[in-house]
Amino acid sequence: MQPEKPKDEGSQAAWMSEKEASADFGPLYDERLRIDRIVSRLDVTDDLVERADLASELVRSVSRYEDTIERALFVRLDISAPAVLEELGRERDQLREAMTVIHERTMGIDPRNVHASDGQGFEDTLEDVVHRLRALLLGEDRQIAALMGSLGPEDRRQLAEDIAHAFRSASEHPHPPHTAVGRFISNAHVKLDHTFEDVATPSHPGADTING
């Protein structure tokens, strides 16, 4: 049985409550909603197979989200809030280290077999990922809300274009490559690992749940 986890005190970001959020953030808005669904489901399910699948989906989704935020949003804050961004960068690096463990434990392995070896260790790491993720998102949300409040209509339109462009090549690996070609190759490997599993009839109860 996994340790009891604290409930998320309103995981939806403040910037997402804005009327124009979907238009401004496009695919990033949808990705954040997906992350919230995954974390919310992890809060309530005890099924180990579903938890393993959700863990894999969480790593891929958070990786896309953070890569897009870094390349499209936080580059606009480099001058205005360097100390805050440095701290958020450290938190992001720590989250990525923990997600790498989940990535290595789930890629190429059917969710039904993930807990077969050191299941408690896997659950402890997953709990750490969720805890670090929630803390990071709170800090990022404050910076994003401040940024959006400072932008005029034309700047918001340009930001929406930059987000859409960055998201199209966003990395699904916890540690994103620095080039578009590198991200493409890395994503191809992740997708291949995700579909190549160690049993003939793969099971994805977590993905089925959050994708509807």
C-alpha atoms as a PDB file:
ATOM      1  CA  MET A   1       0.000   0.000   0.000  1.00  0.00           C
ATOM      2  CA  GLN A   2       1.399   3.392  -1.000  1.00  0.00           C
ATOM      3  CA  PRO A   3       1.802   6.156   1.618  1.00  0.00           C
ATOM      4  CA  GLU A   4      -1.104   8.510   2.175  1.00  0.00           C
ATOM      5  CA  LYS A   5      -0.691  11.592   0.006  1.00  0.00           C
ATOM      6  CA  PRO A   6      -1.929  15.116   0.700  1.00  0.00           C
ATOM      7  CA  LYS A   7      -4.771  16.267  -1.465  1.00  0.00           C
ATOM      8  CA  ASP A   8      -4.076  19.009  -3.943  1.00  0.00           C
ATOM      9  CA  GLU A   9      -5.464  22.294  -2.675  1.00  0.00           C
ATOM     10  CA  GLY A  10      -6.833  23.489  -5.988  1.00  0.00           C
ATOM     11  CA  SER A  11      -4.303  22.403  -8.564  1.00  0.00           C
ATOM     12  CA  GLN A  12      -5.706  24.470 -11.421  1.00  0.00           C
ATOM     13  CA  ALA A  13      -3.425  27.414 -12.099  1.00  0.00           C
ATOM     14  CA  ALA A  14      -4.568  30.965 -11.454  1.00  0.00           C
ATOM     15  CA  TRP A  15      -3.745  31.992 -15.022  1.00  0.00           C
ATOM     16  CA  MET A  16      -6.098  29.301 -16.302  1.00  0.00           C
ATOM     17  CA  SER A  17      -9.104  31.062 -14.803  1.00  0.00           C
ATOM     18  CA  GLU A  18      -8.703  33.934 -17.227  1.00  0.00           C
ATOM     19  CA  LYS A  19     -11.324  34.173 -19.946  1.00  0.00           C
ATOM     20  CA  GLU A  20      -8.680  34.150 -22.677  1.00  0.00           C
ATOM     21  CA  ALA A  21      -6.588  31.345 -21.160  1.00  0.00           C
ATOM     22  CA  SER A  22      -7.382  28.731 -23.786  1.00  0.00           C
ATOM     23  CA  ALA A  23      -6.634  31.141 -26.632  1.00  0.00           C
ATOM     24  CA  ASP A  24      -3.462  32.506 -25.033  1.00  0.00           C
ATOM     25  CA  PHE A  25      -1.946  29.205 -23.957  1.00  0.00           C
ATOM     26  CA  GLY A  26      -3.447  26.808 -26.524  1.00  0.00           C
ATOM     27  CA  PRO A  27      -1.885  23.340 -26.180  1.00  0.00           C
ATOM     28  CA  LEU A  28      -0.131  24.335 -22.938  1.00  0.00           C
ATOM     29  CA  TYR A  29      -3.558  24.950 -21.384  1.00  0.00           C
ATOM     30  CA  ASP A  30      -4.697  21.471 -22.417  1.00  0.00           C
ATOM     31  CA  GLU A  31      -1.466  19.915 -21.145  1.00  0.00           C
ATOM     32  CA  ARG A  32      -1.871  21.529 -17.736  1.00  0.00           C
ATOM     33  CA  LEU A  33      -5.408  20.185 -17.498  1.00  0.00           C
ATOM     34  CA  ARG A  34      -4.057  16.733 -18.358  1.00  0.00           C
ATOM     35  CA  ILE A  35      -1.397  16.970 -15.649  1.00  0.00           C
ATOM     36  CA  ASP A  36      -4.071  17.917 -13.126  1.00  0.00           C
ATOM     37  CA  ARG A  37      -6.205  14.928 -14.164  1.00  0.00           C
ATOM     38  CA  ILE A  38      -3.276  12.541 -13.759  1.00  0.00           C
ATOM     39  CA  VAL A  39      -2.308  13.867 -10.326  1.00  0.00           C
ATOM     40  CA  SER A  40      -5.922  13.875  -9.160  1.00  0.00           C
ATOM     41  CA  ARG A  41      -6.316  10.265 -10.256  1.00  0.00           C
ATOM     42  CA  LEU A  42      -3.104   9.260  -8.479  1.00  0.00           C
ATOM     43  CA  ASP A  43      -4.605  10.730  -5.302  1.00  0.00           C
ATOM     44  CA  VAL A  44      -7.466   8.232  -5.311  1.00  0.00           C
ATOM     45  CA  THR A  45      -6.394   5.028  -7.057  1.00  0.00           C
ATOM     46  CA  ASP A  46      -4.724   2.139  -5.232  1.00  0.00           C
ATOM     47  CA  ASP A  47      -4.490  -0.051  -8.330  1.00  0.00           C
ATOM     48  CA  LEU A  48      -0.773  -0.647  -8.881  1.00  0.00           C
ATOM     49  CA  VAL A  49      -1.103  -1.263 -12.622  1.00  0.00           C
ATOM     50  CA  GLU A  50      -3.026   1.968 -13.112  1.00  0.00           C
ATOM     51  CA  ARG A  51      -0.551   3.863 -10.916  1.00  0.00           C
ATOM     52  CA  ALA A  52       2.387   2.617 -12.980  1.00  0.00           C
ATOM     53  CA  ASP A  53       0.695   3.690 -16.198  1.00  0.00           C
ATOM     54  CA  LEU A  54      -0.280   7.062 -14.736  1.00  0.00           C
ATOM     55  CA  ALA A  55       3.306   7.579 -13.582  1.00  0.00           C
ATOM     56  CA  SER A  56       4.582   7.061 -17.110  1.00  0.00           C
ATOM     57  CA  GLU A  57       1.956   9.406 -18.539  1.00  0.00           C
ATOM     58  CA  LEU A  58       2.762  12.017 -15.882  1.00  0.00           C
ATOM     59  CA  VAL A  59       6.451  12.058 -16.781  1.00  0.00           C
ATOM     60  CA  ARG A  60       5.727  12.514 -20.485  1.00  0.00           C
ATOM     61  CA  SER A  61       3.114  15.205 -19.868  1.00  0.00           C
ATOM     62  CA  VAL A  62       5.154  17.187 -17.339  1.00  0.00           C
ATOM     63  CA  SER A  63       8.213  16.949 -19.588  1.00  0.00           C
ATOM     64  CA  ARG A  64       6.270  18.507 -22.479  1.00  0.00           C
ATOM     65  CA  TYR A  65       4.826  21.186 -20.214  1.00  0.00           C
ATOM     66  CA  GLU A  66       8.098  22.219 -18.588  1.00  0.00           C
ATOM     67  CA  ASP A  67      10.039  22.207 -21.855  1.00  0.00           C
ATOM     68  CA  THR A  68       7.433  24.510 -23.411  1.00  0.00           C
ATOM     69  CA  ILE A  69       7.359  26.840 -20.407  1.00  0.00           C
ATOM     70  CA  GLU A  70      11.138  27.191 -20.380  1.00  0.00           C
ATOM     71  CA  ARG A  71      11.417  27.963 -24.093  1.00  0.00           C
ATOM     72  CA  ALA A  72       8.309  30.108 -24.611  1.00  0.00           C
ATOM     73  CA  LEU A  73       7.444  31.753 -21.294  1.00  0.00           C
ATOM     74  CA  PHE A  74      10.357  31.978 -18.900  1.00  0.00           C
ATOM     75  CA  VAL A  75      12.720  33.464 -21.474  1.00  0.00           C
ATOM     76  CA  ARG A  76      10.552  36.573 -21.125  1.00  0.00           C
ATOM     77  CA  LEU A  77      11.320  36.767 -17.398  1.00  0.00           C
ATOM     78  CA  ASP A  78      15.098  36.381 -17.442  1.00  0.00           C
ATOM     79  CA  ILE A  79      15.744  40.043 -16.639  1.00  0.00           C
ATOM     80  CA  SER A  80      12.800  40.836 -14.364  1.00  0.00           C
ATOM     81  CA  ALA A  81      13.069  37.978 -11.848  1.00  0.00           C
ATOM     82  CA  PRO A  82      16.493  36.286 -12.052  1.00  0.00           C
ATOM     83  CA  ALA A  83      16.636  35.099  -8.422  1.00  0.00           C
ATOM     84  CA  VAL A  84      13.157  33.574  -8.549  1.00  0.00           C
ATOM     85  CA  LEU A  85      13.851  31.885 -11.860  1.00  0.00           C
ATOM     86  CA  GLU A  86      17.126  30.494 -10.528  1.00  0.00           C
ATOM     87  CA  GLU A  87      15.310  28.899  -7.605  1.00  0.00           C
ATOM     88  CA  LEU A  88      12.579  27.542  -9.881  1.00  0.00           C
ATOM     89  CA  GLY A  89      15.317  26.164 -12.126  1.00  0.00           C
ATOM     90  CA  ARG A  90      16.808  24.266  -9.200  1.00  0.00           C
ATOM     91  CA  GLU A  91      13.408  22.878  -8.286  1.00  0.00           C
ATOM     92  CA  ARG A  92      12.836  21.868 -11.917  1.00  0.00           C
ATOM     93  CA  ASP A  93      16.187  20.077 -12.068  1.00  0.00           C
ATOM     94  CA  GLN A  94      15.353  18.138  -8.908  1.00  0.00           C
ATOM     95  CA  LEU A  95      11.957  17.190 -10.317  1.00  0.00           C
ATOM     96  CA  ARG A  96      13.567  16.037 -13.551  1.00  0.00           C
ATOM     97  CA  GLU A  97      16.009  13.836 -11.665  1.00  0.00           C
ATOM     98  CA  ALA A  98      13.135  12.128  -9.866  1.00  0.00           C
ATOM     99  CA  MET A  99      11.118  11.809 -13.084  1.00  0.00           C
ATOM    100  CA  THR A 100      14.095  10.174 -14.787  1.00  0.00           C
ATOM    101  CA  VAL A 101      13.866   7.328 -12.275  1.00  0.00           C
ATOM    102  CA  ILE A 102      10.175   6.845 -13.139  1.00  0.00           C
ATOM    103  CA  HIS A 103      10.987   7.093 -16.838  1.00  0.00           C
ATOM    104  CA  GLU A 104      13.620   4.368 -16.578  1.00  0.00           C
ATOM    105  CA  ARG A 105      11.330   2.143 -14.502  1.00  0.00           C
ATOM    106  CA  THR A 106       8.369   2.371 -16.914  1.00  0.00           C
ATOM    107  CA  MET A 107       9.694   2.700 -20.471  1.00  0.00           C
ATOM    108  CA  GLY A 108       9.539  -0.556 -22.409  1.00  0.00           C
ATOM    109  CA  ILE A 109       7.860  -2.332 -19.495  1.00  0.00           C
ATOM    110  CA  ASP A 110       4.205  -3.252 -19.272  1.00  0.00           C
ATOM    111  CA  PRO A 111       2.507  -1.423 -16.354  1.00  0.00           C
ATOM    112  CA  ARG A 112       1.523  -4.805 -14.907  1.00  0.00           C
ATOM    113  CA  ASN A 113       5.201  -5.591 -14.318  1.00  0.00           C
ATOM    114  CA  VAL A 114       6.533  -2.266 -13.023  1.00  0.00           C
ATOM    115  CA  HIS A 115       5.999  -3.050  -9.327  1.00  0.00           C
ATOM    116  CA  ALA A 116       7.460  -6.561  -9.585  1.00  0.00           C
ATOM    117  CA  SER A 117      10.895  -5.264  -8.602  1.00  0.00           C
ATOM    118  CA  ASP A 118      11.111  -2.835  -5.659  1.00  0.00           C
ATOM    119  CA  GLY A 119       7.509  -1.728  -5.819  1.00  0.00           C
ATOM    120  CA  GLN A 120       7.824   0.365  -2.647  1.00  0.00           C
ATOM    121  CA  GLY A 121      10.850   2.147  -4.056  1.00  0.00           C
ATOM    122  CA  PHE A 122       8.833   2.999  -7.154  1.00  0.00           C
ATOM    123  CA  GLU A 123       5.962   4.336  -5.039  1.00  0.00           C
ATOM    124  CA  ASP A 124       8.322   6.411  -2.902  1.00  0.00           C
ATOM    125  CA  THR A 125       9.822   7.988  -6.020  1.00  0.00           C
ATOM    126  CA  LEU A 126       6.385   8.641  -7.490  1.00  0.00           C
ATOM    127  CA  GLU A 127       5.294  10.332  -4.271  1.00  0.00           C
ATOM    128  CA  ASP A 128       8.429  12.497  -4.435  1.00  0.00           C
ATOM    129  CA  VAL A 129       7.672  13.440  -8.054  1.00  0.00           C
ATOM    130  CA  VAL A 130       4.118  14.504  -7.226  1.00  0.00           C
ATOM    131  CA  HIS A 131       5.260  16.493  -4.178  1.00  0.00           C
ATOM    132  CA  ARG A 132       7.991  18.307  -6.110  1.00  0.00           C
ATOM    133  CA  LEU A 133       5.671  18.892  -9.062  1.00  0.00           C
ATOM    134  CA  ARG A 134       3.026  20.567  -6.957  1.00  0.00           C
ATOM    135  CA  ALA A 135       5.567  22.860  -5.327  1.00  0.00           C
ATOM    136  CA  LEU A 136       7.122  23.788  -8.670  1.00  0.00           C
ATOM    137  CA  LEU A 137       3.793  24.492 -10.327  1.00  0.00           C
ATOM    138  CA  LEU A 138       2.789  26.880  -7.548  1.00  0.00           C
ATOM    139  CA  GLY A 139       5.945  28.929  -8.062  1.00  0.00           C
ATOM    140  CA  GLU A 140       5.648  28.853 -11.843  1.00  0.00           C
ATOM    141  CA  ASP A 141       1.991  29.848 -11.716  1.00  0.00           C
ATOM    142  CA  ARG A 142       2.820  33.013  -9.802  1.00  0.00           C
ATOM    143  CA  GLN A 143       5.409  34.024 -12.391  1.00  0.00           C
ATOM    144  CA  ILE A 144       3.105  33.229 -15.299  1.00  0.00           C
ATOM    145  CA  ALA A 145       0.246  35.214 -13.756  1.00  0.00           C
ATOM    146  CA  ALA A 146       2.558  38.206 -13.254  1.00  0.00           C
ATOM    147  CA  LEU A 147       3.809  37.935 -16.823  1.00  0.00           C
ATOM    148  CA  MET A 148       0.314  37.787 -18.297  1.00  0.00           C
ATOM    149  CA  GLY A 149      -0.722  40.829 -16.295  1.00  0.00           C
ATOM    150  CA  SER A 150       2.097  42.844 -17.883  1.00  0.00           C
ATOM    151  CA  LEU A 151       1.355  41.973 -21.520  1.00  0.00           C
ATOM    152  CA  GLY A 152      -0.759  43.899 -23.969  1.00  0.00           C
ATOM    153  CA  PRO A 153      -2.901  42.336 -26.724  1.00  0.00           C
ATOM    154  CA  GLU A 154      -0.110  42.207 -29.314  1.00  0.00           C
ATOM    155  CA  ASP A 155       2.363  40.688 -26.868  1.00  0.00           C
ATOM    156  CA  ARG A 156      -0.198  38.083 -25.850  1.00  0.00           C
ATOM    157  CA  ARG A 157      -0.773  37.186 -29.490  1.00  0.00           C
ATOM    158  CA  GLN A 158       2.969  36.743 -30.019  1.00  0.00           C
ATOM    159  CA  LEU A 159       3.212  34.673 -26.855  1.00  0.00           C
ATOM    160  CA  ALA A 160       0.422  32.378 -28.073  1.00  0.00           C
ATOM    161  CA  GLU A 161       2.328  31.815 -31.312  1.00  0.00           C
ATOM    162  CA  ASP A 162       5.564  31.113 -29.428  1.00  0.00           C
ATOM    163  CA  ILE A 163       3.828  28.628 -27.122  1.00  0.00           C
ATOM    164  CA  ALA A 164       2.250  26.767 -30.045  1.00  0.00           C
ATOM    165  CA  HIS A 165       5.609  26.625 -31.837  1.00  0.00           C
ATOM    166  CA  ALA A 166       7.515  25.440 -28.773  1.00  0.00           C
ATOM    167  CA  PHE A 167       4.899  22.842 -27.870  1.00  0.00           C
ATOM    168  CA  ARG A 168       5.027  21.209 -31.299  1.00  0.00           C
ATOM    169  CA  SER A 169       8.614  20.131 -30.610  1.00  0.00           C
ATOM    170  CA  ALA A 170       8.369  19.802 -26.817  1.00  0.00           C
ATOM    171  CA  SER A 171      10.413  16.974 -25.353  1.00  0.00           C
ATOM    172  CA  GLU A 172       8.746  13.977 -23.707  1.00  0.00           C
ATOM    173  CA  HIS A 173      11.980  13.112 -21.921  1.00  0.00           C
ATOM    174  CA  PRO A 174      12.590  14.552 -18.420  1.00  0.00           C
ATOM    175  CA  HIS A 175      15.910  16.068 -19.570  1.00  0.00           C
ATOM    176  CA  PRO A 176      15.105  17.734 -22.919  1.00  0.00           C
ATOM    177  CA  PRO A 177      17.768  17.980 -25.628  1.00  0.00           C
ATOM    178  CA  HIS A 178      18.812  21.510 -26.554  1.00  0.00           C
ATOM    179  CA  THR A 179      18.037  21.323 -30.271  1.00  0.00           C
ATOM    180  CA  ALA A 180      14.877  20.665 -32.281  1.00  0.00           C
ATOM    181  CA  VAL A 181      16.511  17.689 -33.989  1.00  0.00           C
ATOM    182  CA  GLY A 182      17.572  16.292 -30.635  1.00  0.00           C
ATOM    183  CA  ARG A 183      14.068  16.646 -29.245  1.00  0.00           C
ATOM    184  CA  PHE A 184      12.605  14.923 -32.318  1.00  0.00           C
ATOM    185  CA  ILE A 185      14.960  11.966 -31.998  1.00  0.00           C
ATOM    186  CA  SER A 186      14.427  11.742 -28.232  1.00  0.00           C
ATOM    187  CA  ASN A 187      10.638  11.793 -28.637  1.00  0.00           C
ATOM    188  CA  ALA A 188      10.832   9.050 -31.245  1.00  0.00           C
ATOM    189  CA  HIS A 189      12.743   6.894 -28.770  1.00  0.00           C
ATOM    190  CA  VAL A 190      10.234   7.609 -25.994  1.00  0.00           C
ATOM    191  CA  LYS A 191       7.285   6.700 -28.219  1.00  0.00           C
ATOM    192  CA  LEU A 192       9.031   3.515 -29.345  1.00  0.00           C
ATOM    193  CA  ASP A 193       9.818   2.533 -25.760  1.00  0.00           C
ATOM    194  CA  HIS A 194       6.251   3.311 -24.740  1.00  0.00           C
ATOM    195  CA  THR A 195       4.786   0.959 -27.336  1.00  0.00           C
ATOM    196  CA  PHE A 196       7.405  -1.800 -27.119  1.00  0.00           C
ATOM    197  CA  GLU A 197       6.574  -3.700 -23.952  1.00  0.00           C
ATOM    198  CA  ASP A 198       7.527  -7.000 -22.402  1.00  0.00           C
ATOM    199  CA  VAL A 199       4.170  -8.750 -22.905  1.00  0.00           C
ATOM    200  CA  ALA A 200       2.044  -9.564 -25.944  1.00  0.00           C
ATOM    201  CA  THR A 201      -1.087  -7.729 -24.766  1.00  0.00           C
ATOM    202  CA  PRO A 202      -0.101  -4.329 -23.342  1.00  0.00           C
ATOM    203  CA  SER A 203      -2.350  -2.706 -20.750  1.00  0.00           C
ATOM    204  CA  HIS A 204      -2.759   1.059 -20.251  1.00  0.00           C
ATOM    205  CA  PRO A 205      -5.508   1.576 -17.641  1.00  0.00           C
ATOM    206  CA  GLY A 206      -4.094   4.920 -16.544  1.00  0.00           C
ATOM    207  CA  ALA A 207      -3.915   6.442 -20.014  1.00  0.00           C
ATOM    208  CA  ASP A 208      -7.375   5.100 -20.806  1.00  0.00           C
ATOM    209  CA  THR A 209      -8.773   6.824 -17.711  1.00  0.00           C
ATOM    210  CA  ILE A 210      -7.254  10.278 -18.184  1.00  0.00           C
ATOM    211  CA  ASN A 211      -7.813  10.316 -21.939  1.00  0.00           C
ATOM    212  CA  GLY A 212     -11.476   9.471 -21.499  1.00  0.00           C
END
